[in-house]
Amino acid sequence: MLNFELAGKRFSELRDRSGFTQSMVAEYLDVDQSYISKCEKGERQFSADILEKAAELFGCTVDYFVNESCEFVEMPIALRAKSVTAEDLNTIAAINKIALNLRFMEGLLARGNRI
């Protein structure tokens, strides 16, 4: 069973760590800011689509949001801007998706070399 309370907590932590407001992330996810607020408080549940898109933005797996034993390995990025648009967040998410895929492929190669 999915742990939606954990999902809200981890989503909030990642959003804060990234320096994004609920409104910024809501615009990127194409949802209302109140939806983000309610999900972070555990009053609502994130949809699978939203968690997938958020995972790309934050550079983590969807599993991290719902599995307590899953660890987050931060991907350092440098972002200097006075304001961040939804388009900027789309770009960050695309870069993170590539980086996550690379990390996954490197893991497969490393396991293959041990066999």
N, C-alpha and C. Protein backbone atom coordinates (compact mmCIF):
# COMPACT_ATOMS: atom_id res chain seq x y z
N MET A 1 0.84 -1.19 0.00
CA MET A 1 0.00 0.00 0.00
C MET A 1 0.89 1.25 0.00
N LEU A 2 0.50 2.23 -0.77
CA LEU A 2 1.28 3.45 -0.88
C LEU A 2 1.11 4.32 0.36
N ASN A 3 2.18 4.92 0.78
CA ASN A 3 2.19 5.78 1.96
C ASN A 3 2.06 7.23 1.50
N PHE A 4 0.83 7.72 1.42
CA PHE A 4 0.60 9.06 0.90
C PHE A 4 0.98 10.15 1.89
N GLU A 5 0.97 9.84 3.18
CA GLU A 5 1.42 10.82 4.17
C GLU A 5 2.92 11.06 3.99
N LEU A 6 3.66 9.97 3.76
CA LEU A 6 5.09 10.08 3.50
C LEU A 6 5.34 10.87 2.21
N ALA A 7 4.51 10.64 1.21
CA ALA A 7 4.66 11.36 -0.06
C ALA A 7 4.53 12.86 0.15
N GLY A 8 3.56 13.29 0.92
CA GLY A 8 3.38 14.71 1.19
C GLY A 8 4.55 15.30 1.95
N LYS A 9 5.04 14.56 2.92
CA LYS A 9 6.17 15.03 3.73
C LYS A 9 7.42 15.16 2.88
N ARG A 10 7.71 14.13 2.11
CA ARG A 10 8.92 14.16 1.29
C ARG A 10 8.82 15.18 0.16
N PHE A 11 7.64 15.33 -0.41
CA PHE A 11 7.43 16.33 -1.44
C PHE A 11 7.74 17.71 -0.87
N SER A 12 7.20 18.00 0.30
CA SER A 12 7.40 19.29 0.95
C SER A 12 8.88 19.53 1.24
N GLU A 13 9.56 18.50 1.75
CA GLU A 13 10.99 18.62 2.06
C GLU A 13 11.80 18.91 0.80
N LEU A 14 11.52 18.19 -0.27
CA LEU A 14 12.25 18.39 -1.51
C LEU A 14 11.96 19.76 -2.12
N ARG A 15 10.72 20.18 -2.03
CA ARG A 15 10.34 21.49 -2.56
C ARG A 15 11.07 22.58 -1.79
N ASP A 16 11.08 22.48 -0.46
CA ASP A 16 11.77 23.47 0.37
C ASP A 16 13.28 23.47 0.09
N ARG A 17 13.84 22.27 0.02
CA ARG A 17 15.28 22.14 -0.23
C ARG A 17 15.66 22.76 -1.58
N SER A 18 14.75 22.66 -2.54
CA SER A 18 15.00 23.21 -3.88
C SER A 18 14.79 24.71 -3.94
N GLY A 19 14.13 25.25 -2.91
CA GLY A 19 13.86 26.69 -2.88
C GLY A 19 12.66 27.11 -3.72
N PHE A 20 11.79 26.15 -4.02
CA PHE A 20 10.60 26.43 -4.82
C PHE A 20 9.41 26.66 -3.91
N THR A 21 8.55 27.58 -4.30
CA THR A 21 7.31 27.80 -3.56
C THR A 21 6.25 26.81 -4.05
N GLN A 22 5.20 26.67 -3.27
CA GLN A 22 4.09 25.82 -3.69
C GLN A 22 3.51 26.34 -5.00
N SER A 23 3.42 27.65 -5.14
CA SER A 23 2.86 28.24 -6.36
C SER A 23 3.71 27.93 -7.58
N MET A 24 5.03 28.01 -7.43
CA MET A 24 5.92 27.70 -8.55
C MET A 24 5.75 26.25 -9.00
N VAL A 25 5.74 25.34 -8.03
CA VAL A 25 5.62 23.92 -8.36
C VAL A 25 4.22 23.63 -8.91
N ALA A 26 3.21 24.27 -8.36
CA ALA A 26 1.84 24.08 -8.85
C ALA A 26 1.73 24.49 -10.31
N GLU A 27 2.35 25.61 -10.66
CA GLU A 27 2.31 26.06 -12.05
C GLU A 27 3.00 25.05 -12.96
N TYR A 28 4.16 24.56 -12.53
CA TYR A 28 4.89 23.55 -13.30
C TYR A 28 4.05 22.28 -13.48
N LEU A 29 3.38 21.86 -12.40
CA LEU A 29 2.59 20.63 -12.43
C LEU A 29 1.21 20.84 -13.06
N ASP A 30 0.87 22.09 -13.34
CA ASP A 30 -0.42 22.45 -13.92
C ASP A 30 -1.58 22.05 -13.01
N VAL A 31 -1.41 22.38 -11.73
CA VAL A 31 -2.45 22.16 -10.73
C VAL A 31 -2.59 23.43 -9.91
N ASP A 32 -3.62 23.49 -9.08
CA ASP A 32 -3.83 24.63 -8.22
C ASP A 32 -2.90 24.55 -7.01
N GLN A 33 -2.46 25.69 -6.52
CA GLN A 33 -1.56 25.72 -5.36
C GLN A 33 -2.20 25.06 -4.15
N SER A 34 -3.52 25.16 -4.00
CA SER A 34 -4.20 24.56 -2.86
C SER A 34 -4.09 23.03 -2.90
N TYR A 35 -4.02 22.46 -4.09
CA TYR A 35 -3.83 21.01 -4.24
C TYR A 35 -2.49 20.60 -3.63
N ILE A 36 -1.44 21.37 -3.94
CA ILE A 36 -0.10 21.09 -3.39
C ILE A 36 -0.14 21.19 -1.87
N SER A 37 -0.75 22.26 -1.38
CA SER A 37 -0.84 22.48 0.06
C SER A 37 -1.55 21.33 0.76
N LYS A 38 -2.69 20.91 0.23
CA LYS A 38 -3.46 19.83 0.84
C LYS A 38 -2.72 18.51 0.79
N CYS A 39 -2.02 18.25 -0.30
CA CYS A 39 -1.26 17.00 -0.42
C CYS A 39 -0.09 17.00 0.55
N GLU A 40 0.59 18.12 0.69
CA GLU A 40 1.70 18.20 1.62
C GLU A 40 1.24 18.00 3.07
N LYS A 41 0.04 18.43 3.38
CA LYS A 41 -0.51 18.27 4.73
C LYS A 41 -1.12 16.89 4.94
N GLY A 42 -1.23 16.10 3.88
CA GLY A 42 -1.84 14.77 3.99
C GLY A 42 -3.34 14.79 3.90
N GLU A 43 -3.92 15.91 3.51
CA GLU A 43 -5.38 16.02 3.38
C GLU A 43 -5.88 15.46 2.06
N ARG A 44 -4.98 15.40 1.07
CA ARG A 44 -5.29 14.83 -0.25
C ARG A 44 -4.13 13.94 -0.66
N GLN A 45 -4.35 13.18 -1.71
CA GLN A 45 -3.29 12.31 -2.22
C GLN A 45 -2.81 12.80 -3.57
N PHE A 46 -1.50 12.78 -3.76
CA PHE A 46 -0.95 13.09 -5.07
C PHE A 46 -1.33 11.98 -6.04
N SER A 47 -1.63 12.35 -7.27
CA SER A 47 -1.86 11.33 -8.29
C SER A 47 -0.51 10.78 -8.74
N ALA A 48 -0.54 9.62 -9.35
CA ALA A 48 0.69 8.99 -9.84
C ALA A 48 1.36 9.87 -10.88
N ASP A 49 0.57 10.51 -11.74
CA ASP A 49 1.13 11.39 -12.77
C ASP A 49 1.86 12.58 -12.14
N ILE A 50 1.28 13.14 -11.10
CA ILE A 50 1.89 14.29 -10.43
C ILE A 50 3.19 13.87 -9.75
N LEU A 51 3.18 12.71 -9.09
CA LEU A 51 4.40 12.23 -8.44
C LEU A 51 5.50 11.96 -9.46
N GLU A 52 5.14 11.44 -10.61
CA GLU A 52 6.13 11.17 -11.65
C GLU A 52 6.77 12.46 -12.15
N LYS A 53 5.94 13.45 -12.39
CA LYS A 53 6.44 14.73 -12.87
C LYS A 53 7.26 15.44 -11.78
N ALA A 54 6.82 15.32 -10.53
CA ALA A 54 7.56 15.92 -9.41
C ALA A 54 8.90 15.23 -9.22
N ALA A 55 8.94 13.92 -9.40
CA ALA A 55 10.20 13.18 -9.26
C ALA A 55 11.23 13.68 -10.27
N GLU A 56 10.78 13.95 -11.47
CA GLU A 56 11.69 14.50 -12.48
C GLU A 56 12.20 15.87 -12.06
N LEU A 57 11.32 16.70 -11.53
CA LEU A 57 11.71 18.04 -11.11
C LEU A 57 12.73 17.99 -9.98
N PHE A 58 12.50 17.13 -8.99
CA PHE A 58 13.35 17.07 -7.81
C PHE A 58 14.54 16.14 -7.98
N GLY A 59 14.59 15.40 -9.09
CA GLY A 59 15.72 14.51 -9.34
C GLY A 59 15.74 13.29 -8.44
N CYS A 60 14.58 12.69 -8.26
CA CYS A 60 14.48 11.49 -7.45
C CYS A 60 13.58 10.48 -8.16
N THR A 61 13.43 9.32 -7.57
CA THR A 61 12.52 8.33 -8.12
C THR A 61 11.14 8.52 -7.51
N VAL A 62 10.13 8.04 -8.17
CA VAL A 62 8.77 8.07 -7.61
C VAL A 62 8.75 7.23 -6.33
N ASP A 63 9.51 6.16 -6.33
CA ASP A 63 9.58 5.27 -5.17
C ASP A 63 10.00 6.03 -3.91
N TYR A 64 10.84 7.04 -4.06
CA TYR A 64 11.30 7.81 -2.90
C TYR A 64 10.12 8.46 -2.17
N PHE A 65 9.11 8.87 -2.89
CA PHE A 65 7.96 9.53 -2.28
C PHE A 65 7.11 8.58 -1.44
N VAL A 66 7.07 7.31 -1.79
CA VAL A 66 6.11 6.40 -1.16
C VAL A 66 6.74 5.23 -0.42
N ASN A 67 8.06 5.11 -0.47
CA ASN A 67 8.73 3.99 0.16
C ASN A 67 9.71 4.52 1.20
N GLU A 68 9.42 4.26 2.46
CA GLU A 68 10.23 4.80 3.55
C GLU A 68 11.68 4.35 3.50
N SER A 69 11.93 3.17 2.98
CA SER A 69 13.30 2.65 2.94
C SER A 69 14.11 3.18 1.76
N CYS A 70 13.46 3.86 0.86
CA CYS A 70 14.15 4.41 -0.31
C CYS A 70 14.90 5.69 0.08
N GLU A 71 16.14 5.79 -0.34
CA GLU A 71 16.96 6.95 0.00
C GLU A 71 17.04 7.93 -1.17
N PHE A 72 17.23 9.17 -0.83
CA PHE A 72 17.38 10.24 -1.82
C PHE A 72 18.85 10.55 -1.98
N VAL A 73 19.32 10.47 -3.22
CA VAL A 73 20.69 10.85 -3.52
C VAL A 73 20.61 12.12 -4.35
N GLU A 74 20.97 13.22 -3.70
CA GLU A 74 20.81 14.53 -4.33
C GLU A 74 21.72 14.68 -5.54
N MET A 75 21.17 15.34 -6.56
CA MET A 75 21.95 15.71 -7.73
C MET A 75 22.20 17.21 -7.62
N PRO A 76 23.44 17.58 -7.38
CA PRO A 76 23.71 19.01 -7.20
C PRO A 76 23.52 19.79 -8.50
N ILE A 77 22.82 20.90 -8.37
CA ILE A 77 22.67 21.80 -9.51
C ILE A 77 22.90 23.22 -9.01
N ALA A 78 23.32 24.06 -9.90
CA ALA A 78 23.50 25.46 -9.57
C ALA A 78 22.51 26.26 -10.40
N LEU A 79 21.70 27.04 -9.74
CA LEU A 79 20.69 27.83 -10.42
C LEU A 79 20.74 29.24 -9.85
N ARG A 80 21.02 30.17 -10.71
CA ARG A 80 21.06 31.56 -10.29
C ARG A 80 20.05 32.33 -11.12
N ALA A 81 19.01 32.75 -10.47
CA ALA A 81 17.97 33.51 -11.16
C ALA A 81 17.18 34.29 -10.12
N LYS A 82 16.73 35.44 -10.52
CA LYS A 82 15.90 36.24 -9.62
C LYS A 82 14.48 35.71 -9.58
N SER A 83 14.07 35.12 -10.69
CA SER A 83 12.75 34.49 -10.72
C SER A 83 12.84 33.24 -11.59
N VAL A 84 12.02 32.28 -11.24
CA VAL A 84 12.01 31.00 -11.95
C VAL A 84 10.62 30.80 -12.52
N THR A 85 10.55 30.51 -13.81
CA THR A 85 9.26 30.30 -14.47
C THR A 85 8.96 28.82 -14.57
N ALA A 86 7.74 28.51 -14.96
CA ALA A 86 7.35 27.12 -15.19
C ALA A 86 8.21 26.52 -16.30
N GLU A 87 8.55 27.32 -17.29
CA GLU A 87 9.42 26.84 -18.37
C GLU A 87 10.80 26.47 -17.83
N ASP A 88 11.32 27.26 -16.89
CA ASP A 88 12.60 26.93 -16.25
C ASP A 88 12.50 25.60 -15.50
N LEU A 89 11.39 25.40 -14.82
CA LEU A 89 11.20 24.14 -14.08
C LEU A 89 11.10 22.97 -15.04
N ASN A 90 10.48 23.17 -16.20
CA ASN A 90 10.43 22.11 -17.22
C ASN A 90 11.84 21.75 -17.68
N THR A 91 12.69 22.75 -17.85
CA THR A 91 14.07 22.51 -18.27
C THR A 91 14.84 21.76 -17.18
N ILE A 92 14.68 22.17 -15.94
CA ILE A 92 15.32 21.48 -14.82
C ILE A 92 14.87 20.03 -14.77
N ALA A 93 13.58 19.80 -14.93
CA ALA A 93 13.05 18.44 -14.89
C ALA A 93 13.62 17.59 -16.03
N ALA A 94 13.74 18.16 -17.22
CA ALA A 94 14.29 17.42 -18.35
C ALA A 94 15.75 17.03 -18.10
N ILE A 95 16.52 17.95 -17.55
CA ILE A 95 17.92 17.66 -17.23
C ILE A 95 18.00 16.59 -16.15
N ASN A 96 17.17 16.70 -15.11
CA ASN A 96 17.16 15.70 -14.05
C ASN A 96 16.77 14.33 -14.57
N LYS A 97 15.83 14.29 -15.49
CA LYS A 97 15.40 13.00 -16.06
C LYS A 97 16.57 12.33 -16.78
N ILE A 98 17.33 13.11 -17.54
CA ILE A 98 18.52 12.57 -18.22
C ILE A 98 19.53 12.08 -17.19
N ALA A 99 19.76 12.88 -16.14
CA ALA A 99 20.72 12.51 -15.11
C ALA A 99 20.29 11.25 -14.37
N LEU A 100 18.99 11.12 -14.07
CA LEU A 100 18.49 9.92 -13.39
C LEU A 100 18.65 8.69 -14.27
N ASN A 101 18.38 8.83 -15.57
CA ASN A 101 18.56 7.72 -16.50
C ASN A 101 20.02 7.31 -16.59
N LEU A 102 20.92 8.29 -16.61
CA LEU A 102 22.35 8.00 -16.64
C LEU A 102 22.77 7.27 -15.37
N ARG A 103 22.30 7.74 -14.22
CA ARG A 103 22.61 7.08 -12.94
C ARG A 103 22.12 5.63 -12.95
N PHE A 104 20.92 5.41 -13.48
CA PHE A 104 20.36 4.06 -13.55
C PHE A 104 21.22 3.17 -14.46
N MET A 105 21.60 3.69 -15.64
CA MET A 105 22.41 2.91 -16.57
C MET A 105 23.79 2.60 -15.99
N GLU A 106 24.38 3.56 -15.30
CA GLU A 106 25.68 3.31 -14.64
C GLU A 106 25.55 2.22 -13.60
N GLY A 107 24.44 2.21 -12.88
CA GLY A 107 24.19 1.16 -11.90
C GLY A 107 24.07 -0.21 -12.56
N LEU A 108 23.39 -0.27 -13.70
CA LEU A 108 23.28 -1.53 -14.43
C LEU A 108 24.64 -2.01 -14.90
N LEU A 109 25.45 -1.10 -15.42
CA LEU A 109 26.80 -1.47 -15.88
C LEU A 109 27.66 -1.96 -14.72
N ALA A 110 27.58 -1.29 -13.59
CA ALA A 110 28.37 -1.68 -12.42
C ALA A 110 27.97 -3.08 -11.94
N ARG A 111 26.69 -3.37 -11.93
CA ARG A 111 26.22 -4.71 -11.52
C ARG A 111 26.65 -5.75 -12.54
N GLY A 112 26.66 -5.38 -13.82
CA GLY A 112 27.06 -6.30 -14.87
C GLY A 112 28.53 -6.67 -14.80
N ASN A 113 29.34 -5.75 -14.32
CA ASN A 113 30.78 -6.01 -14.21
C ASN A 113 31.11 -6.93 -13.05
N ARG A 114 30.20 -7.08 -12.08
CA ARG A 114 30.43 -7.93 -10.93
C ARG A 114 30.00 -9.36 -11.15
N ILE A 115 29.29 -9.60 -12.24
CA ILE A 115 28.77 -10.96 -12.49
C ILE A 115 29.85 -11.83 -13.10
